[in-house]
Amino acid sequence: MVTRRDLLGFFLRPDAEVVLRIRDGILGEILRVQADAVQVHVLDGVVVLTGRLPQQSLIRIALALTSRTEGVVAVVNRISVETDGTHSPKRPGTAS
């Protein structure tokens, strides 16, 4: 029986290495988010990102860069946008 690991072995990286590349490289060095803002879990190349970031654009960037990281085969997004409850989004058709 041929496994996924057999077929993709050349491209896969150990899960611990993938965690470090994402946590330290993407989240820490590139996005400069606080260390505890996003948790990174990897199992067999599947990355789960959980936590909160201050802007939706940062989430999109984190997901894009993570998906392009060597050894990543899939990304599950569980990151939400921080909110302090003091700002409600403006609805279309309402006055300022």
PDB file of N, CA and C in Angstrom:
ATOM      1  N   MET A   1       0.843  -1.181   0.000  1.00  0.00           N
ATOM      2  CA  MET A   1       0.000   0.000   0.000  1.00  0.00           C
ATOM      3  C   MET A   1       0.888   1.243   0.000  1.00  0.00           C
ATOM      4  N   VAL A   2       0.556   2.180  -0.860  1.00  0.00           N
ATOM      5  CA  VAL A   2       1.283   3.439  -0.947  1.00  0.00           C
ATOM      6  C   VAL A   2       0.508   4.490  -0.169  1.00  0.00           C
ATOM      7  N   THR A   3       1.196   5.191   0.708  1.00  0.00           N
ATOM      8  CA  THR A   3       0.557   6.216   1.529  1.00  0.00           C
ATOM      9  C   THR A   3       0.824   7.600   0.963  1.00  0.00           C
ATOM     10  N   ARG A   4       0.091   8.555   1.478  1.00  0.00           N
ATOM     11  CA  ARG A   4       0.300   9.961   1.099  1.00  0.00           C
ATOM     12  C   ARG A   4       1.728  10.368   1.394  1.00  0.00           C
ATOM     13  N   ARG A   5       2.235   9.936   2.522  1.00  0.00           N
ATOM     14  CA  ARG A   5       3.598  10.284   2.915  1.00  0.00           C
ATOM     15  C   ARG A   5       4.605   9.716   1.921  1.00  0.00           C
ATOM     16  N   ASP A   6       4.358   8.511   1.418  1.00  0.00           N
ATOM     17  CA  ASP A   6       5.246   7.927   0.415  1.00  0.00           C
ATOM     18  C   ASP A   6       5.267   8.781  -0.853  1.00  0.00           C
ATOM     19  N   LEU A   7       4.094   9.204  -1.294  1.00  0.00           N
ATOM     20  CA  LEU A   7       3.990   9.974  -2.527  1.00  0.00           C
ATOM     21  C   LEU A   7       4.515  11.399  -2.386  1.00  0.00           C
ATOM     22  N   LEU A   8       4.272  12.007  -1.246  1.00  0.00           N
ATOM     23  CA  LEU A   8       4.645  13.405  -1.041  1.00  0.00           C
ATOM     24  C   LEU A   8       5.876  13.582  -0.162  1.00  0.00           C
ATOM     25  N   GLY A   9       6.521  12.491   0.183  1.00  0.00           N
ATOM     26  CA  GLY A   9       7.643  12.531   1.116  1.00  0.00           C
ATOM     27  C   GLY A   9       8.702  13.556   0.797  1.00  0.00           C
ATOM     28  N   PHE A  10       8.962  13.758  -0.484  1.00  0.00           N
ATOM     29  CA  PHE A  10       9.971  14.730  -0.875  1.00  0.00           C
ATOM     30  C   PHE A  10       9.557  16.149  -0.498  1.00  0.00           C
ATOM     31  N   PHE A  11       8.256  16.435  -0.535  1.00  0.00           N
ATOM     32  CA  PHE A  11       7.764  17.784  -0.293  1.00  0.00           C
ATOM     33  C   PHE A  11       7.397  18.042   1.161  1.00  0.00           C
ATOM     34  N   LEU A  12       7.172  16.989   1.932  1.00  0.00           N
ATOM     35  CA  LEU A  12       6.719  17.163   3.305  1.00  0.00           C
ATOM     36  C   LEU A  12       7.860  17.560   4.225  1.00  0.00           C
ATOM     37  N   ARG A  13       7.532  18.322   5.230  1.00  0.00           N
ATOM     38  CA  ARG A  13       8.459  18.703   6.279  1.00  0.00           C
ATOM     39  C   ARG A  13       7.868  18.192   7.586  1.00  0.00           C
ATOM     40  N   PRO A  14       8.727  17.913   8.554  1.00  0.00           N
ATOM     41  CA  PRO A  14       8.184  17.500   9.856  1.00  0.00           C
ATOM     42  C   PRO A  14       7.228  18.568  10.401  1.00  0.00           C
ATOM     43  N   ASP A  15       6.163  18.116  11.050  1.00  0.00           N
ATOM     44  CA  ASP A  15       5.149  19.039  11.573  1.00  0.00           C
ATOM     45  C   ASP A  15       5.758  20.105  12.480  1.00  0.00           C
ATOM     46  N   ALA A  16       6.706  19.726  13.324  1.00  0.00           N
ATOM     47  CA  ALA A  16       7.335  20.689  14.245  1.00  0.00           C
ATOM     48  C   ALA A  16       8.057  21.787  13.474  1.00  0.00           C
ATOM     49  N   GLU A  17       8.676  21.434  12.367  1.00  0.00           N
ATOM     50  CA  GLU A  17       9.372  22.429  11.542  1.00  0.00           C
ATOM     51  C   GLU A  17       8.368  23.378  10.888  1.00  0.00           C
ATOM     52  N   VAL A  18       7.253  22.838  10.440  1.00  0.00           N
ATOM     53  CA  VAL A  18       6.207  23.671   9.829  1.00  0.00           C
ATOM     54  C   VAL A  18       5.663  24.653  10.864  1.00  0.00           C
ATOM     55  N   VAL A  19       5.433  24.194  12.083  1.00  0.00           N
ATOM     56  CA  VAL A  19       4.948  25.069  13.158  1.00  0.00           C
ATOM     57  C   VAL A  19       5.914  26.227  13.360  1.00  0.00           C
ATOM     58  N   LEU A  20       7.196  25.935  13.447  1.00  0.00           N
ATOM     59  CA  LEU A  20       8.197  26.986  13.661  1.00  0.00           C
ATOM     60  C   LEU A  20       8.222  27.985  12.513  1.00  0.00           C
ATOM     61  N   ARG A  21       8.161  27.498  11.295  1.00  0.00           N
ATOM     62  CA  ARG A  21       8.184  28.397  10.131  1.00  0.00           C
ATOM     63  C   ARG A  21       6.985  29.331  10.136  1.00  0.00           C
ATOM     64  N   ILE A  22       5.834  28.816  10.505  1.00  0.00           N
ATOM     65  CA  ILE A  22       4.631  29.649  10.517  1.00  0.00           C
ATOM     66  C   ILE A  22       4.633  30.581  11.716  1.00  0.00           C
ATOM     67  N   ARG A  23       4.842  30.028  12.890  1.00  0.00           N
ATOM     68  CA  ARG A  23       4.776  30.830  14.120  1.00  0.00           C
ATOM     69  C   ARG A  23       5.853  31.904  14.161  1.00  0.00           C
ATOM     70  N   ASP A  24       7.105  31.496  13.926  1.00  0.00           N
ATOM     71  CA  ASP A  24       8.203  32.449  14.054  1.00  0.00           C
ATOM     72  C   ASP A  24       8.395  33.288  12.790  1.00  0.00           C
ATOM     73  N   GLY A  25       8.307  32.640  11.632  1.00  0.00           N
ATOM     74  CA  GLY A  25       8.558  33.338  10.386  1.00  0.00           C
ATOM     75  C   GLY A  25       7.408  34.204   9.921  1.00  0.00           C
ATOM     76  N   ILE A  26       6.256  33.581   9.706  1.00  0.00           N
ATOM     77  CA  ILE A  26       5.113  34.325   9.161  1.00  0.00           C
ATOM     78  C   ILE A  26       4.471  35.222  10.211  1.00  0.00           C
ATOM     79  N   LEU A  27       4.048  34.634  11.316  1.00  0.00           N
ATOM     80  CA  LEU A  27       3.339  35.420  12.330  1.00  0.00           C
ATOM     81  C   LEU A  27       4.266  36.373  13.083  1.00  0.00           C
ATOM     82  N   GLY A  28       5.450  35.899  13.436  1.00  0.00           N
ATOM     83  CA  GLY A  28       6.364  36.719  14.226  1.00  0.00           C
ATOM     84  C   GLY A  28       7.122  37.750  13.425  1.00  0.00           C
ATOM     85  N   GLU A  29       7.867  37.304  12.415  1.00  0.00           N
ATOM     86  CA  GLU A  29       8.734  38.204  11.672  1.00  0.00           C
ATOM     87  C   GLU A  29       7.999  39.025  10.610  1.00  0.00           C
ATOM     88  N   ILE A  30       7.124  38.392   9.847  1.00  0.00           N
ATOM     89  CA  ILE A  30       6.464  39.108   8.746  1.00  0.00           C
ATOM     90  C   ILE A  30       5.277  39.939   9.242  1.00  0.00           C
ATOM     91  N   LEU A  31       4.344  39.307   9.953  1.00  0.00           N
ATOM     92  CA  LEU A  31       3.136  40.017  10.401  1.00  0.00           C
ATOM     93  C   LEU A  31       3.324  40.740  11.730  1.00  0.00           C
ATOM     94  N   ARG A  32       4.333  40.353  12.482  1.00  0.00           N
ATOM     95  CA  ARG A  32       4.647  40.979  13.769  1.00  0.00           C
ATOM     96  C   ARG A  32       3.456  41.015  14.735  1.00  0.00           C
ATOM     97  N   VAL A  33       2.784  39.867  14.836  1.00  0.00           N
ATOM     98  CA  VAL A  33       1.678  39.769  15.787  1.00  0.00           C
ATOM     99  C   VAL A  33       2.207  39.209  17.103  1.00  0.00           C
ATOM    100  N   GLN A  34       1.489  39.468  18.181  1.00  0.00           N
ATOM    101  CA  GLN A  34       1.894  38.965  19.493  1.00  0.00           C
ATOM    102  C   GLN A  34       1.950  37.446  19.466  1.00  0.00           C
ATOM    103  N   ALA A  35       2.895  36.906  20.199  1.00  0.00           N
ATOM    104  CA  ALA A  35       3.140  35.463  20.197  1.00  0.00           C
ATOM    105  C   ALA A  35       1.898  34.651  20.555  1.00  0.00           C
ATOM    106  N   ASP A  36       1.046  35.165  21.427  1.00  0.00           N
ATOM    107  CA  ASP A  36      -0.117  34.391  21.864  1.00  0.00           C
ATOM    108  C   ASP A  36      -1.389  34.720  21.074  1.00  0.00           C
ATOM    109  N   ALA A  37      -1.284  35.553  20.038  1.00  0.00           N
ATOM    110  CA  ALA A  37      -2.465  35.958  19.271  1.00  0.00           C
ATOM    111  C   ALA A  37      -3.037  34.814  18.435  1.00  0.00           C
ATOM    112  N   VAL A  38      -2.159  34.010  17.850  1.00  0.00           N
ATOM    113  CA  VAL A  38      -2.595  32.914  16.987  1.00  0.00           C
ATOM    114  C   VAL A  38      -1.842  31.647  17.373  1.00  0.00           C
ATOM    115  N   GLN A  39      -2.583  30.578  17.580  1.00  0.00           N
ATOM    116  CA  GLN A  39      -1.985  29.280  17.870  1.00  0.00           C
ATOM    117  C   GLN A  39      -1.900  28.495  16.572  1.00  0.00           C
ATOM    118  N   VAL A  40      -0.782  27.783  16.417  1.00  0.00           N
ATOM    119  CA  VAL A  40      -0.533  27.008  15.203  1.00  0.00           C
ATOM    120  C   VAL A  40      -0.446  25.536  15.585  1.00  0.00           C
ATOM    121  N   HIS A  41      -1.289  24.716  14.983  1.00  0.00           N
ATOM    122  CA  HIS A  41      -1.274  23.275  15.189  1.00  0.00           C
ATOM    123  C   HIS A  41      -1.125  22.606  13.829  1.00  0.00           C
ATOM    124  N   VAL A  42      -0.231  21.618  13.749  1.00  0.00           N
ATOM    125  CA  VAL A  42       0.004  20.929  12.483  1.00  0.00           C
ATOM    126  C   VAL A  42      -0.018  19.430  12.715  1.00  0.00           C
ATOM    127  N   LEU A  43      -0.729  18.717  11.862  1.00  0.00           N
ATOM    128  CA  LEU A  43      -0.759  17.263  11.895  1.00  0.00           C
ATOM    129  C   LEU A  43      -0.724  16.755  10.461  1.00  0.00           C
ATOM    130  N   ASP A  44       0.323  16.063  10.127  1.00  0.00           N
ATOM    131  CA  ASP A  44       0.502  15.520   8.774  1.00  0.00           C
ATOM    132  C   ASP A  44       0.370  16.582   7.694  1.00  0.00           C
ATOM    133  N   GLY A  45       0.897  17.766   7.964  1.00  0.00           N
ATOM    134  CA  GLY A  45       0.883  18.836   6.980  1.00  0.00           C
ATOM    135  C   GLY A  45      -0.376  19.675   6.949  1.00  0.00           C
ATOM    136  N   VAL A  46      -1.374  19.304   7.739  1.00  0.00           N
ATOM    137  CA  VAL A  46      -2.604  20.089   7.817  1.00  0.00           C
ATOM    138  C   VAL A  46      -2.449  21.086   8.967  1.00  0.00           C
ATOM    139  N   VAL A  47      -2.534  22.363   8.638  1.00  0.00           N
ATOM    140  CA  VAL A  47      -2.327  23.436   9.610  1.00  0.00           C
ATOM    141  C   VAL A  47      -3.674  23.970  10.075  1.00  0.00           C
ATOM    142  N   VAL A  48      -3.821  24.116  11.392  1.00  0.00           N
ATOM    143  CA  VAL A  48      -5.000  24.761  11.965  1.00  0.00           C
ATOM    144  C   VAL A  48      -4.518  26.011  12.683  1.00  0.00           C
ATOM    145  N   LEU A  49      -5.024  27.164  12.239  1.00  0.00           N
ATOM    146  CA  LEU A  49      -4.699  28.444  12.865  1.00  0.00           C
ATOM    147  C   LEU A  49      -5.894  28.895  13.684  1.00  0.00           C
ATOM    148  N   THR A  50      -5.659  29.153  14.968  1.00  0.00           N
ATOM    149  CA  THR A  50      -6.730  29.537  15.881  1.00  0.00           C
ATOM    150  C   THR A  50      -6.304  30.775  16.645  1.00  0.00           C
ATOM    151  N   GLY A  51      -7.205  31.730  16.796  1.00  0.00           N
ATOM    152  CA  GLY A  51      -6.882  32.919  17.581  1.00  0.00           C
ATOM    153  C   GLY A  51      -7.594  34.138  17.062  1.00  0.00           C
ATOM    154  N   ARG A  52      -6.989  35.305  17.360  1.00  0.00           N
ATOM    155  CA  ARG A  52      -7.600  36.578  16.974  1.00  0.00           C
ATOM    156  C   ARG A  52      -6.527  37.508  16.434  1.00  0.00           C
ATOM    157  N   LEU A  53      -6.884  38.228  15.381  1.00  0.00           N
ATOM    158  CA  LEU A  53      -6.013  39.255  14.820  1.00  0.00           C
ATOM    159  C   LEU A  53      -6.804  40.552  14.711  1.00  0.00           C
ATOM    160  N   PRO A  54      -6.111  41.692  14.733  1.00  0.00           N
ATOM    161  CA  PRO A  54      -6.829  42.975  14.754  1.00  0.00           C
ATOM    162  C   PRO A  54      -7.491  43.369  13.445  1.00  0.00           C
ATOM    163  N   GLN A  55      -7.082  42.764  12.322  1.00  0.00           N
ATOM    164  CA  GLN A  55      -7.642  43.169  11.030  1.00  0.00           C
ATOM    165  C   GLN A  55      -7.895  41.956  10.147  1.00  0.00           C
ATOM    166  N   GLN A  56      -8.957  42.028   9.374  1.00  0.00           N
ATOM    167  CA  GLN A  56      -9.281  40.959   8.428  1.00  0.00           C
ATOM    168  C   GLN A  56      -8.163  40.771   7.408  1.00  0.00           C
ATOM    169  N   SER A  57      -7.529  41.865   7.018  1.00  0.00           N
ATOM    170  CA  SER A  57      -6.456  41.781   6.021  1.00  0.00           C
ATOM    171  C   SER A  57      -5.286  40.941   6.541  1.00  0.00           C
ATOM    172  N   LEU A  58      -5.000  41.012   7.826  1.00  0.00           N
ATOM    173  CA  LEU A  58      -3.928  40.197   8.406  1.00  0.00           C
ATOM    174  C   LEU A  58      -4.282  38.716   8.359  1.00  0.00           C
ATOM    175  N   ILE A  59      -5.550  38.408   8.518  1.00  0.00           N
ATOM    176  CA  ILE A  59      -5.987  37.012   8.439  1.00  0.00           C
ATOM    177  C   ILE A  59      -5.760  36.496   7.025  1.00  0.00           C
ATOM    178  N   ARG A  60      -6.155  37.283   6.035  1.00  0.00           N
ATOM    179  CA  ARG A  60      -5.960  36.867   4.642  1.00  0.00           C
ATOM    180  C   ARG A  60      -4.486  36.645   4.319  1.00  0.00           C
ATOM    181  N   ILE A  61      -3.635  37.531   4.786  1.00  0.00           N
ATOM    182  CA  ILE A  61      -2.199  37.401   4.543  1.00  0.00           C
ATOM    183  C   ILE A  61      -1.652  36.162   5.240  1.00  0.00           C
ATOM    184  N   ALA A  62      -2.040  35.959   6.501  1.00  0.00           N
ATOM    185  CA  ALA A  62      -1.569  34.792   7.257  1.00  0.00           C
ATOM    186  C   ALA A  62      -1.970  33.491   6.555  1.00  0.00           C
ATOM    187  N   LEU A  63      -3.191  33.427   6.064  1.00  0.00           N
ATOM    188  CA  LEU A  63      -3.661  32.226   5.374  1.00  0.00           C
ATOM    189  C   LEU A  63      -2.915  32.011   4.061  1.00  0.00           C
ATOM    190  N   ALA A  64      -2.718  33.080   3.308  1.00  0.00           N
ATOM    191  CA  ALA A  64      -2.030  32.957   2.022  1.00  0.00           C
ATOM    192  C   ALA A  64      -0.588  32.498   2.222  1.00  0.00           C
ATOM    193  N   LEU A  65       0.120  33.129   3.139  1.00  0.00           N
ATOM    194  CA  LEU A  65       1.516  32.758   3.370  1.00  0.00           C
ATOM    195  C   LEU A  65       1.635  31.355   3.959  1.00  0.00           C
ATOM    196  N   THR A  66       0.727  31.006   4.843  1.00  0.00           N
ATOM    197  CA  THR A  66       0.750  29.670   5.435  1.00  0.00           C
ATOM    198  C   THR A  66       0.527  28.608   4.365  1.00  0.00           C
ATOM    199  N   SER A  67      -0.426  28.840   3.481  1.00  0.00           N
ATOM    200  CA  SER A  67      -0.717  27.839   2.449  1.00  0.00           C
ATOM    201  C   SER A  67       0.453  27.646   1.493  1.00  0.00           C
ATOM    202  N   ARG A  68       1.329  28.645   1.382  1.00  0.00           N
ATOM    203  CA  ARG A  68       2.492  28.556   0.495  1.00  0.00           C
ATOM    204  C   ARG A  68       3.738  28.027   1.210  1.00  0.00           C
ATOM    205  N   THR A  69       3.617  27.722   2.479  1.00  0.00           N
ATOM    206  CA  THR A  69       4.753  27.226   3.245  1.00  0.00           C
ATOM    207  C   THR A  69       5.055  25.788   2.859  1.00  0.00           C
ATOM    208  N   GLU A  70       6.312  25.507   2.639  1.00  0.00           N
ATOM    209  CA  GLU A  70       6.730  24.163   2.259  1.00  0.00           C
ATOM    210  C   GLU A  70       6.328  23.166   3.337  1.00  0.00           C
ATOM    211  N   GLY A  71       5.689  22.090   2.919  1.00  0.00           N
ATOM    212  CA  GLY A  71       5.242  21.068   3.853  1.00  0.00           C
ATOM    213  C   GLY A  71       3.780  21.169   4.230  1.00  0.00           C
ATOM    214  N   VAL A  72       3.122  22.281   3.871  1.00  0.00           N
ATOM    215  CA  VAL A  72       1.707  22.471   4.188  1.00  0.00           C
ATOM    216  C   VAL A  72       0.863  21.892   3.057  1.00  0.00           C
ATOM    217  N   VAL A  73      -0.075  21.015   3.428  1.00  0.00           N
ATOM    218  CA  VAL A  73      -0.966  20.428   2.425  1.00  0.00           C
ATOM    219  C   VAL A  73      -2.380  21.007   2.501  1.00  0.00           C
ATOM    220  N   ALA A  74      -2.750  21.606   3.641  1.00  0.00           N
ATOM    221  CA  ALA A  74      -4.065  22.240   3.798  1.00  0.00           C
ATOM    222  C   ALA A  74      -4.005  23.183   4.992  1.00  0.00           C
ATOM    223  N   VAL A  75      -4.884  24.201   4.969  1.00  0.00           N
ATOM    224  CA  VAL A  75      -4.961  25.166   6.063  1.00  0.00           C
ATOM    225  C   VAL A  75      -6.411  25.284   6.508  1.00  0.00           C
ATOM    226  N   VAL A  76      -6.627  25.170   7.823  1.00  0.00           N
ATOM    227  CA  VAL A  76      -7.952  25.357   8.409  1.00  0.00           C
ATOM    228  C   VAL A  76      -7.920  26.686   9.164  1.00  0.00           C
ATOM    229  N   ASN A  77      -8.804  27.590   8.792  1.00  0.00           N
ATOM    230  CA  ASN A  77      -8.836  28.917   9.403  1.00  0.00           C
ATOM    231  C   ASN A  77      -9.841  28.970  10.551  1.00  0.00           C
ATOM    232  N   ARG A  78      -9.326  29.220  11.729  1.00  0.00           N
ATOM    233  CA  ARG A  78     -10.182  29.456  12.899  1.00  0.00           C
ATOM    234  C   ARG A  78      -9.777  30.765  13.573  1.00  0.00           C
ATOM    235  N   ILE A  79      -9.286  31.697  12.757  1.00  0.00           N
ATOM    236  CA  ILE A  79      -8.880  33.013  13.264  1.00  0.00           C
ATOM    237  C   ILE A  79     -10.068  33.956  13.110  1.00  0.00           C
ATOM    238  N   SER A  80     -10.321  34.749  14.138  1.00  0.00           N
ATOM    239  CA  SER A  80     -11.377  35.749  14.060  1.00  0.00           C
ATOM    240  C   SER A  80     -10.759  37.136  14.210  1.00  0.00           C
ATOM    241  N   VAL A  81     -11.552  38.145  13.910  1.00  0.00           N
ATOM    242  CA  VAL A  81     -11.106  39.522  14.027  1.00  0.00           C
ATOM    243  C   VAL A  81     -11.414  40.016  15.427  1.00  0.00           C
ATOM    244  N   GLU A  82     -10.428  40.681  16.025  1.00  0.00           N
ATOM    245  CA  GLU A  82     -10.631  41.253  17.363  1.00  0.00           C
ATOM    246  C   GLU A  82     -11.684  42.343  17.292  1.00  0.00           C
ATOM    247  N   THR A  83     -12.461  42.447  18.327  1.00  0.00           N
ATOM    248  CA  THR A  83     -13.421  43.539  18.442  1.00  0.00           C
ATOM    249  C   THR A  83     -13.568  43.882  19.911  1.00  0.00           C
ATOM    250  N   ASP A  84     -13.686  45.164  20.179  1.00  0.00           N
ATOM    251  CA  ASP A  84     -13.855  45.569  21.575  1.00  0.00           C
ATOM    252  C   ASP A  84     -15.291  45.957  21.872  1.00  0.00           C
ATOM    253  N   GLY A  85     -16.158  45.851  20.862  1.00  0.00           N
ATOM    254  CA  GLY A  85     -17.571  46.132  21.077  1.00  0.00           C
ATOM    255  C   GLY A  85     -17.941  47.600  21.016  1.00  0.00           C
ATOM    256  N   THR A  86     -16.956  48.488  20.792  1.00  0.00           N
ATOM    257  CA  THR A  86     -17.271  49.921  20.782  1.00  0.00           C
ATOM    258  C   THR A  86     -17.603  50.432  19.394  1.00  0.00           C
ATOM    259  N   HIS A  87     -17.334  49.646  18.376  1.00  0.00           N
ATOM    260  CA  HIS A  87     -17.589  50.083  17.007  1.00  0.00           C
ATOM    261  C   HIS A  87     -18.514  49.081  16.327  1.00  0.00           C
ATOM    262  N   SER A  88     -19.618  49.586  15.844  1.00  0.00           N
ATOM    263  CA  SER A  88     -20.487  48.707  15.072  1.00  0.00           C
ATOM    264  C   SER A  88     -20.355  49.101  13.609  1.00  0.00           C
ATOM    265  N   PRO A  89     -20.272  48.125  12.731  1.00  0.00           N
ATOM    266  CA  PRO A  89     -20.089  48.436  11.324  1.00  0.00           C
ATOM    267  C   PRO A  89     -21.245  49.247  10.761  1.00  0.00           C
ATOM    268  N   LYS A  90     -20.922  50.148   9.863  1.00  0.00           N
ATOM    269  CA  LYS A  90     -21.931  50.981   9.228  1.00  0.00           C
ATOM    270  C   LYS A  90     -22.721  50.123   8.241  1.00  0.00           C
ATOM    271  N   ARG A  91     -24.027  50.191   8.320  1.00  0.00           N
ATOM    272  CA  ARG A  91     -24.890  49.434   7.409  1.00  0.00           C
ATOM    273  C   ARG A  91     -25.155  50.267   6.175  1.00  0.00           C
ATOM    274  N   PRO A  92     -25.249  49.598   5.022  1.00  0.00           N
ATOM    275  CA  PRO A  92     -25.570  50.328   3.796  1.00  0.00           C
ATOM    276  C   PRO A  92     -26.881  51.078   3.949  1.00  0.00           C
ATOM    277  N   GLY A  93     -26.918  52.310   3.436  1.00  0.00           N
ATOM    278  CA  GLY A  93     -28.133  53.090   3.453  1.00  0.00           C
ATOM    279  C   GLY A  93     -28.366  53.871   4.738  1.00  0.00           C
ATOM    280  N   THR A  94     -27.419  53.841   5.682  1.00  0.00           N
ATOM    281  CA  THR A  94     -27.578  54.607   6.914  1.00  0.00           C
ATOM    282  C   THR A  94     -26.737  55.860   6.851  1.00  0.00           C
ATOM    283  N   ALA A  95     -27.173  56.884   7.508  1.00  0.00           N
ATOM    284  CA  ALA A  95     -26.455  58.158   7.517  1.00  0.00           C
ATOM    285  C   ALA A  95     -25.285  58.089   8.494  1.00  0.00           C
ATOM    286  N   SER A  96     -24.285  58.906   8.255  1.00  0.00           N
ATOM    287  CA  SER A  96     -23.121  58.961   9.139  1.00  0.00           C
ATOM    288  C   SER A  96     -23.418  59.738  10.382  1.00  0.00           C
TER     289      SER A  96
END
